[in-house]
Amino acid sequence: MNRYYKFIQENPRKYALFPLIAYWLLIFTLTTIPGNYHIDRFHFSDKVKHFLAFYFLTFFYIQFLIFYKRKIKISHLFFLSFTILTLYAGFDEIHQMYVPHRSADIYDFLADFFGICLGFVTTAIIFLNYIKKK
């Protein structure tokens, strides 16, 4: 893991910011595609897709904040991340109400929320050594 930390620390904009922006744009783009035009290459439950999408979004978001915002307290970092990601999950569901052949679903939001929660736990475990040094 030390190599990974050093790799990202060398250029946090390139290795922490770019993946976050690219992934977030991918999620937004996929949720903007009308439902009847959606080509489903991954035959998972809709809830599993929501869970995984926000699980990885949480990972990229926290990774970015850990390496890019060096002077923020860890407690503030997690509160800020949790709030922003949960609000985005809600926004994403509301946004889908206006996309043809899509709808807002509370269960999709809950899958997003649980993805965020588990993303926090695993990201904290992965970056625990780095966080302790801060």
N, C-alpha and C. Protein backbone atom coordinates (compact mmCIF):
# COMPACT_ATOMS: atom_id res chain seq x y z
N MET A 1 0.82 -1.20 0.00
CA MET A 1 0.00 0.00 0.00
C MET A 1 0.86 1.26 0.00
N ASN A 2 2.04 1.20 0.57
CA ASN A 2 2.89 2.40 0.59
C ASN A 2 3.22 2.88 -0.81
N ARG A 3 3.42 1.96 -1.73
CA ARG A 3 3.67 2.35 -3.12
C ARG A 3 2.47 3.07 -3.70
N TYR A 4 1.29 2.57 -3.38
CA TYR A 4 0.06 3.18 -3.86
C TYR A 4 -0.07 4.61 -3.34
N TYR A 5 0.19 4.80 -2.04
CA TYR A 5 0.11 6.13 -1.44
C TYR A 5 1.10 7.08 -2.12
N LYS A 6 2.32 6.62 -2.28
CA LYS A 6 3.35 7.46 -2.90
C LYS A 6 2.99 7.78 -4.35
N PHE A 7 2.45 6.81 -5.04
CA PHE A 7 2.06 6.99 -6.43
C PHE A 7 1.02 8.12 -6.55
N ILE A 8 0.02 8.11 -5.70
CA ILE A 8 -1.02 9.14 -5.75
C ILE A 8 -0.49 10.47 -5.24
N GLN A 9 0.34 10.46 -4.21
CA GLN A 9 0.87 11.70 -3.65
C GLN A 9 1.73 12.46 -4.64
N GLU A 10 2.36 11.76 -5.56
CA GLU A 10 3.22 12.43 -6.53
C GLU A 10 2.44 13.43 -7.38
N ASN A 11 1.23 13.08 -7.74
CA ASN A 11 0.41 13.98 -8.54
C ASN A 11 -1.07 13.71 -8.25
N PRO A 12 -1.60 14.28 -7.14
CA PRO A 12 -2.98 13.97 -6.76
C PRO A 12 -4.01 14.43 -7.78
N ARG A 13 -3.71 15.49 -8.52
CA ARG A 13 -4.69 15.92 -9.53
C ARG A 13 -4.84 14.86 -10.61
N LYS A 14 -3.75 14.30 -11.01
CA LYS A 14 -3.77 13.32 -12.10
C LYS A 14 -4.32 11.97 -11.64
N TYR A 15 -3.92 11.52 -10.46
CA TYR A 15 -4.26 10.17 -10.03
C TYR A 15 -5.41 10.09 -9.04
N ALA A 16 -5.88 11.21 -8.53
CA ALA A 16 -7.02 11.19 -7.61
C ALA A 16 -8.18 12.01 -8.18
N LEU A 17 -7.92 13.16 -8.75
CA LEU A 17 -8.99 14.00 -9.27
C LEU A 17 -9.55 13.47 -10.59
N PHE A 18 -8.68 13.12 -11.53
CA PHE A 18 -9.16 12.66 -12.83
C PHE A 18 -10.04 11.42 -12.74
N PRO A 19 -9.65 10.38 -12.00
CA PRO A 19 -10.56 9.22 -11.90
C PRO A 19 -11.91 9.57 -11.29
N LEU A 20 -11.92 10.47 -10.30
CA LEU A 20 -13.18 10.88 -9.68
C LEU A 20 -14.07 11.57 -10.71
N ILE A 21 -13.54 12.54 -11.43
CA ILE A 21 -14.34 13.28 -12.40
C ILE A 21 -14.82 12.34 -13.52
N ALA A 22 -13.93 11.52 -14.03
CA ALA A 22 -14.30 10.60 -15.11
C ALA A 22 -15.40 9.64 -14.67
N TYR A 23 -15.26 9.09 -13.47
CA TYR A 23 -16.25 8.13 -12.99
C TYR A 23 -17.59 8.81 -12.71
N TRP A 24 -17.55 10.00 -12.12
CA TRP A 24 -18.78 10.73 -11.81
C TRP A 24 -19.50 11.09 -13.11
N LEU A 25 -18.77 11.52 -14.12
CA LEU A 25 -19.38 11.81 -15.41
C LEU A 25 -19.96 10.55 -16.05
N LEU A 26 -19.29 9.43 -15.88
CA LEU A 26 -19.82 8.17 -16.40
C LEU A 26 -21.15 7.83 -15.75
N ILE A 27 -21.24 7.96 -14.43
CA ILE A 27 -22.50 7.68 -13.73
C ILE A 27 -23.59 8.62 -14.23
N PHE A 28 -23.28 9.90 -14.32
CA PHE A 28 -24.29 10.87 -14.77
C PHE A 28 -24.73 10.56 -16.20
N THR A 29 -23.79 10.23 -17.05
CA THR A 29 -24.12 9.92 -18.45
C THR A 29 -25.01 8.69 -18.53
N LEU A 30 -24.67 7.65 -17.79
CA LEU A 30 -25.46 6.42 -17.85
C LEU A 30 -26.87 6.63 -17.30
N THR A 31 -27.03 7.50 -16.31
CA THR A 31 -28.37 7.74 -15.77
C THR A 31 -29.16 8.72 -16.61
N THR A 32 -28.52 9.33 -17.60
CA THR A 32 -29.21 10.27 -18.49
C THR A 32 -29.69 9.57 -19.76
N ILE A 33 -29.20 8.39 -20.04
CA ILE A 33 -29.63 7.64 -21.21
C ILE A 33 -31.07 7.17 -20.98
N PRO A 34 -31.97 7.46 -21.92
CA PRO A 34 -33.36 7.01 -21.75
C PRO A 34 -33.44 5.50 -21.55
N GLY A 35 -34.39 5.06 -20.76
CA GLY A 35 -34.50 3.66 -20.38
C GLY A 35 -34.66 2.70 -21.53
N ASN A 36 -35.41 3.07 -22.58
CA ASN A 36 -35.62 2.13 -23.67
C ASN A 36 -34.42 2.03 -24.61
N TYR A 37 -33.45 2.94 -24.49
CA TYR A 37 -32.24 2.88 -25.32
C TYR A 37 -31.07 2.27 -24.57
N HIS A 38 -31.29 1.92 -23.37
CA HIS A 38 -30.21 1.42 -22.52
C HIS A 38 -29.82 0.01 -22.94
N ILE A 39 -28.59 -0.16 -23.30
CA ILE A 39 -28.08 -1.48 -23.66
C ILE A 39 -27.47 -2.07 -22.40
N ASP A 40 -28.06 -3.13 -21.92
CA ASP A 40 -27.64 -3.71 -20.65
C ASP A 40 -26.65 -4.85 -20.89
N ARG A 41 -25.37 -4.54 -20.78
CA ARG A 41 -24.34 -5.55 -20.98
C ARG A 41 -24.08 -6.34 -19.70
N PHE A 42 -24.43 -5.75 -18.56
CA PHE A 42 -24.22 -6.41 -17.28
C PHE A 42 -25.57 -6.83 -16.74
N HIS A 43 -25.80 -8.10 -16.64
CA HIS A 43 -27.11 -8.61 -16.25
C HIS A 43 -27.22 -8.78 -14.74
N PHE A 44 -27.02 -7.67 -14.04
CA PHE A 44 -27.20 -7.66 -12.59
C PHE A 44 -28.51 -6.99 -12.27
N SER A 45 -28.95 -7.17 -11.06
CA SER A 45 -30.13 -6.46 -10.59
C SER A 45 -29.86 -4.96 -10.64
N ASP A 46 -30.90 -4.21 -10.90
CA ASP A 46 -30.79 -2.75 -10.91
C ASP A 46 -30.24 -2.22 -9.59
N LYS A 47 -30.64 -2.83 -8.50
CA LYS A 47 -30.18 -2.39 -7.17
C LYS A 47 -28.69 -2.68 -6.98
N VAL A 48 -28.22 -3.78 -7.51
CA VAL A 48 -26.79 -4.10 -7.42
C VAL A 48 -25.98 -3.07 -8.21
N LYS A 49 -26.49 -2.66 -9.36
CA LYS A 49 -25.80 -1.65 -10.17
C LYS A 49 -25.74 -0.32 -9.42
N HIS A 50 -26.84 0.06 -8.79
CA HIS A 50 -26.85 1.30 -8.01
C HIS A 50 -25.86 1.20 -6.85
N PHE A 51 -25.90 0.09 -6.15
CA PHE A 51 -25.00 -0.13 -5.02
C PHE A 51 -23.54 -0.01 -5.46
N LEU A 52 -23.17 -0.72 -6.51
CA LEU A 52 -21.78 -0.72 -6.97
C LEU A 52 -21.36 0.64 -7.50
N ALA A 53 -22.25 1.32 -8.20
CA ALA A 53 -21.92 2.64 -8.74
C ALA A 53 -21.55 3.60 -7.62
N PHE A 54 -22.33 3.62 -6.56
CA PHE A 54 -22.05 4.56 -5.47
C PHE A 54 -20.97 4.05 -4.53
N TYR A 55 -20.77 2.76 -4.48
CA TYR A 55 -19.65 2.20 -3.71
C TYR A 55 -18.33 2.72 -4.30
N PHE A 56 -18.18 2.60 -5.61
CA PHE A 56 -16.94 3.05 -6.24
C PHE A 56 -16.84 4.57 -6.30
N LEU A 57 -17.97 5.25 -6.43
CA LEU A 57 -17.94 6.72 -6.38
C LEU A 57 -17.43 7.19 -5.02
N THR A 58 -17.88 6.53 -3.97
CA THR A 58 -17.41 6.86 -2.62
C THR A 58 -15.91 6.64 -2.50
N PHE A 59 -15.42 5.53 -3.02
CA PHE A 59 -13.99 5.25 -2.98
C PHE A 59 -13.20 6.37 -3.67
N PHE A 60 -13.58 6.71 -4.89
CA PHE A 60 -12.86 7.74 -5.63
C PHE A 60 -12.96 9.10 -4.96
N TYR A 61 -14.13 9.41 -4.40
CA TYR A 61 -14.34 10.71 -3.77
C TYR A 61 -13.47 10.85 -2.51
N ILE A 62 -13.49 9.85 -1.66
CA ILE A 62 -12.70 9.92 -0.43
C ILE A 62 -11.21 9.89 -0.74
N GLN A 63 -10.83 9.06 -1.69
CA GLN A 63 -9.42 9.03 -2.09
C GLN A 63 -8.97 10.41 -2.54
N PHE A 64 -9.79 11.07 -3.33
CA PHE A 64 -9.46 12.41 -3.78
C PHE A 64 -9.31 13.36 -2.59
N LEU A 65 -10.26 13.35 -1.67
CA LEU A 65 -10.19 14.27 -0.53
C LEU A 65 -9.00 13.98 0.38
N ILE A 66 -8.70 12.71 0.57
CA ILE A 66 -7.56 12.37 1.43
C ILE A 66 -6.26 12.91 0.85
N PHE A 67 -6.06 12.74 -0.43
CA PHE A 67 -4.79 13.11 -1.03
C PHE A 67 -4.74 14.55 -1.53
N TYR A 68 -5.88 15.15 -1.78
CA TYR A 68 -5.89 16.49 -2.35
C TYR A 68 -6.07 17.58 -1.30
N LYS A 69 -6.92 17.34 -0.34
CA LYS A 69 -7.20 18.30 0.73
C LYS A 69 -6.42 17.91 1.96
N ARG A 70 -5.21 18.30 2.02
CA ARG A 70 -4.33 17.83 3.09
C ARG A 70 -4.59 18.47 4.45
N LYS A 71 -5.23 19.63 4.48
CA LYS A 71 -5.39 20.32 5.76
C LYS A 71 -6.78 20.15 6.37
N ILE A 72 -7.56 19.26 5.85
CA ILE A 72 -8.90 19.04 6.38
C ILE A 72 -8.86 17.92 7.43
N LYS A 73 -9.61 18.09 8.50
CA LYS A 73 -9.68 17.05 9.53
C LYS A 73 -10.41 15.83 8.98
N ILE A 74 -10.00 14.68 9.43
CA ILE A 74 -10.59 13.43 8.95
C ILE A 74 -12.08 13.38 9.26
N SER A 75 -12.49 13.83 10.44
CA SER A 75 -13.91 13.80 10.79
C SER A 75 -14.71 14.70 9.84
N HIS A 76 -14.16 15.86 9.52
CA HIS A 76 -14.84 16.74 8.57
C HIS A 76 -14.86 16.13 7.18
N LEU A 77 -13.77 15.48 6.82
CA LEU A 77 -13.68 14.85 5.51
C LEU A 77 -14.78 13.81 5.33
N PHE A 78 -14.97 12.96 6.31
CA PHE A 78 -15.99 11.93 6.19
C PHE A 78 -17.40 12.52 6.23
N PHE A 79 -17.63 13.51 7.08
CA PHE A 79 -18.95 14.14 7.13
C PHE A 79 -19.27 14.84 5.82
N LEU A 80 -18.31 15.58 5.30
CA LEU A 80 -18.49 16.28 4.03
C LEU A 80 -18.76 15.28 2.90
N SER A 81 -17.97 14.25 2.84
CA SER A 81 -18.14 13.23 1.80
C SER A 81 -19.50 12.56 1.90
N PHE A 82 -19.86 12.15 3.08
CA PHE A 82 -21.14 11.46 3.27
C PHE A 82 -22.30 12.35 2.86
N THR A 83 -22.25 13.60 3.25
CA THR A 83 -23.32 14.53 2.93
C THR A 83 -23.42 14.76 1.42
N ILE A 84 -22.31 15.07 0.78
CA ILE A 84 -22.32 15.35 -0.65
C ILE A 84 -22.76 14.13 -1.45
N LEU A 85 -22.24 12.97 -1.12
CA LEU A 85 -22.58 11.77 -1.88
C LEU A 85 -24.04 11.37 -1.68
N THR A 86 -24.57 11.52 -0.48
CA THR A 86 -25.97 11.21 -0.22
C THR A 86 -26.89 12.19 -0.96
N LEU A 87 -26.52 13.47 -0.94
CA LEU A 87 -27.30 14.46 -1.68
C LEU A 87 -27.26 14.16 -3.18
N TYR A 88 -26.11 13.76 -3.69
CA TYR A 88 -26.02 13.42 -5.10
C TYR A 88 -26.88 12.20 -5.43
N ALA A 89 -26.91 11.22 -4.55
CA ALA A 89 -27.75 10.04 -4.78
C ALA A 89 -29.22 10.46 -4.90
N GLY A 90 -29.64 11.37 -4.03
CA GLY A 90 -31.00 11.89 -4.12
C GLY A 90 -31.22 12.68 -5.40
N PHE A 91 -30.26 13.52 -5.74
CA PHE A 91 -30.34 14.29 -6.99
C PHE A 91 -30.41 13.36 -8.19
N ASP A 92 -29.65 12.30 -8.18
CA ASP A 92 -29.63 11.35 -9.28
C ASP A 92 -31.01 10.72 -9.48
N GLU A 93 -31.65 10.37 -8.40
CA GLU A 93 -33.00 9.78 -8.51
C GLU A 93 -34.00 10.81 -9.02
N ILE A 94 -33.94 12.03 -8.52
CA ILE A 94 -34.84 13.08 -9.00
C ILE A 94 -34.57 13.37 -10.48
N HIS A 95 -33.30 13.42 -10.84
CA HIS A 95 -32.90 13.65 -12.23
C HIS A 95 -33.51 12.60 -13.16
N GLN A 96 -33.59 11.35 -12.71
CA GLN A 96 -34.11 10.28 -13.54
C GLN A 96 -35.62 10.39 -13.77
N MET A 97 -36.31 11.18 -12.95
CA MET A 97 -37.74 11.41 -13.18
C MET A 97 -37.96 12.14 -14.51
N TYR A 98 -36.98 12.91 -14.95
CA TYR A 98 -37.10 13.72 -16.15
C TYR A 98 -36.46 13.06 -17.37
N VAL A 99 -35.96 11.86 -17.22
CA VAL A 99 -35.37 11.11 -18.33
C VAL A 99 -36.44 10.14 -18.84
N PRO A 100 -36.69 10.15 -20.16
CA PRO A 100 -37.73 9.26 -20.70
C PRO A 100 -37.49 7.79 -20.32
N HIS A 101 -38.57 7.13 -19.94
CA HIS A 101 -38.58 5.71 -19.60
C HIS A 101 -37.72 5.38 -18.39
N ARG A 102 -37.51 6.35 -17.54
CA ARG A 102 -36.82 6.13 -16.25
C ARG A 102 -37.70 6.72 -15.17
N SER A 103 -37.43 6.34 -13.95
CA SER A 103 -38.22 6.87 -12.84
C SER A 103 -37.36 6.94 -11.58
N ALA A 104 -37.82 7.74 -10.65
CA ALA A 104 -37.17 7.82 -9.34
C ALA A 104 -37.71 6.67 -8.49
N ASP A 105 -36.83 6.05 -7.73
CA ASP A 105 -37.24 4.91 -6.92
C ASP A 105 -36.53 4.99 -5.57
N ILE A 106 -37.29 4.93 -4.50
CA ILE A 106 -36.71 5.00 -3.16
C ILE A 106 -35.75 3.83 -2.92
N TYR A 107 -36.04 2.68 -3.51
CA TYR A 107 -35.17 1.52 -3.32
C TYR A 107 -33.84 1.70 -4.05
N ASP A 108 -33.87 2.40 -5.18
CA ASP A 108 -32.61 2.74 -5.85
C ASP A 108 -31.79 3.68 -4.97
N PHE A 109 -32.48 4.65 -4.36
CA PHE A 109 -31.78 5.57 -3.45
C PHE A 109 -31.19 4.80 -2.28
N LEU A 110 -31.94 3.86 -1.73
CA LEU A 110 -31.42 3.07 -0.60
C LEU A 110 -30.22 2.22 -1.04
N ALA A 111 -30.26 1.67 -2.25
CA ALA A 111 -29.10 0.92 -2.75
C ALA A 111 -27.90 1.84 -2.89
N ASP A 112 -28.14 3.07 -3.39
CA ASP A 112 -27.06 4.07 -3.47
C ASP A 112 -26.51 4.35 -2.08
N PHE A 113 -27.40 4.56 -1.13
CA PHE A 113 -27.02 4.90 0.24
C PHE A 113 -26.19 3.79 0.87
N PHE A 114 -26.62 2.54 0.70
CA PHE A 114 -25.85 1.43 1.27
C PHE A 114 -24.50 1.27 0.57
N GLY A 115 -24.45 1.58 -0.72
CA GLY A 115 -23.18 1.59 -1.43
C GLY A 115 -22.23 2.63 -0.86
N ILE A 116 -22.78 3.80 -0.53
CA ILE A 116 -21.99 4.86 0.09
C ILE A 116 -21.48 4.39 1.46
N CYS A 117 -22.36 3.81 2.26
CA CYS A 117 -21.97 3.36 3.60
C CYS A 117 -20.87 2.31 3.55
N LEU A 118 -21.03 1.29 2.72
CA LEU A 118 -20.01 0.26 2.62
C LEU A 118 -18.74 0.81 1.99
N GLY A 119 -18.90 1.74 1.06
CA GLY A 119 -17.74 2.41 0.47
C GLY A 119 -16.92 3.15 1.52
N PHE A 120 -17.60 3.77 2.47
CA PHE A 120 -16.89 4.44 3.56
C PHE A 120 -16.11 3.45 4.40
N VAL A 121 -16.73 2.35 4.75
CA VAL A 121 -16.06 1.36 5.60
C VAL A 121 -14.83 0.81 4.91
N THR A 122 -14.97 0.36 3.69
CA THR A 122 -13.83 -0.25 3.01
C THR A 122 -12.75 0.77 2.67
N THR A 123 -13.16 1.98 2.31
CA THR A 123 -12.16 3.02 2.02
C THR A 123 -11.39 3.38 3.29
N ALA A 124 -12.09 3.46 4.40
CA ALA A 124 -11.41 3.75 5.67
C ALA A 124 -10.41 2.65 6.01
N ILE A 125 -10.78 1.41 5.77
CA ILE A 125 -9.86 0.30 6.05
C ILE A 125 -8.65 0.36 5.12
N ILE A 126 -8.90 0.61 3.83
CA ILE A 126 -7.81 0.67 2.86
C ILE A 126 -6.83 1.79 3.18
N PHE A 127 -7.35 2.95 3.53
CA PHE A 127 -6.50 4.11 3.76
C PHE A 127 -6.20 4.34 5.24
N LEU A 128 -6.45 3.35 6.09
CA LEU A 128 -6.28 3.51 7.53
C LEU A 128 -4.86 3.93 7.90
N ASN A 129 -3.86 3.30 7.32
CA ASN A 129 -2.48 3.67 7.62
C ASN A 129 -2.18 5.10 7.21
N TYR A 130 -2.65 5.49 6.05
CA TYR A 130 -2.42 6.85 5.59
C TYR A 130 -3.15 7.87 6.47
N ILE A 131 -4.39 7.53 6.85
CA ILE A 131 -5.19 8.42 7.69
C ILE A 131 -4.54 8.58 9.06
N LYS A 132 -4.00 7.51 9.63
CA LYS A 132 -3.35 7.58 10.94
C LYS A 132 -2.15 8.53 10.91
N LYS A 133 -1.45 8.56 9.79
CA LYS A 133 -0.29 9.44 9.66
C LYS A 133 -0.70 10.91 9.65
N LYS A 134 -1.90 11.19 9.19
CA LYS A 134 -2.40 12.56 9.15
C LYS A 134 -2.73 12.98 10.55
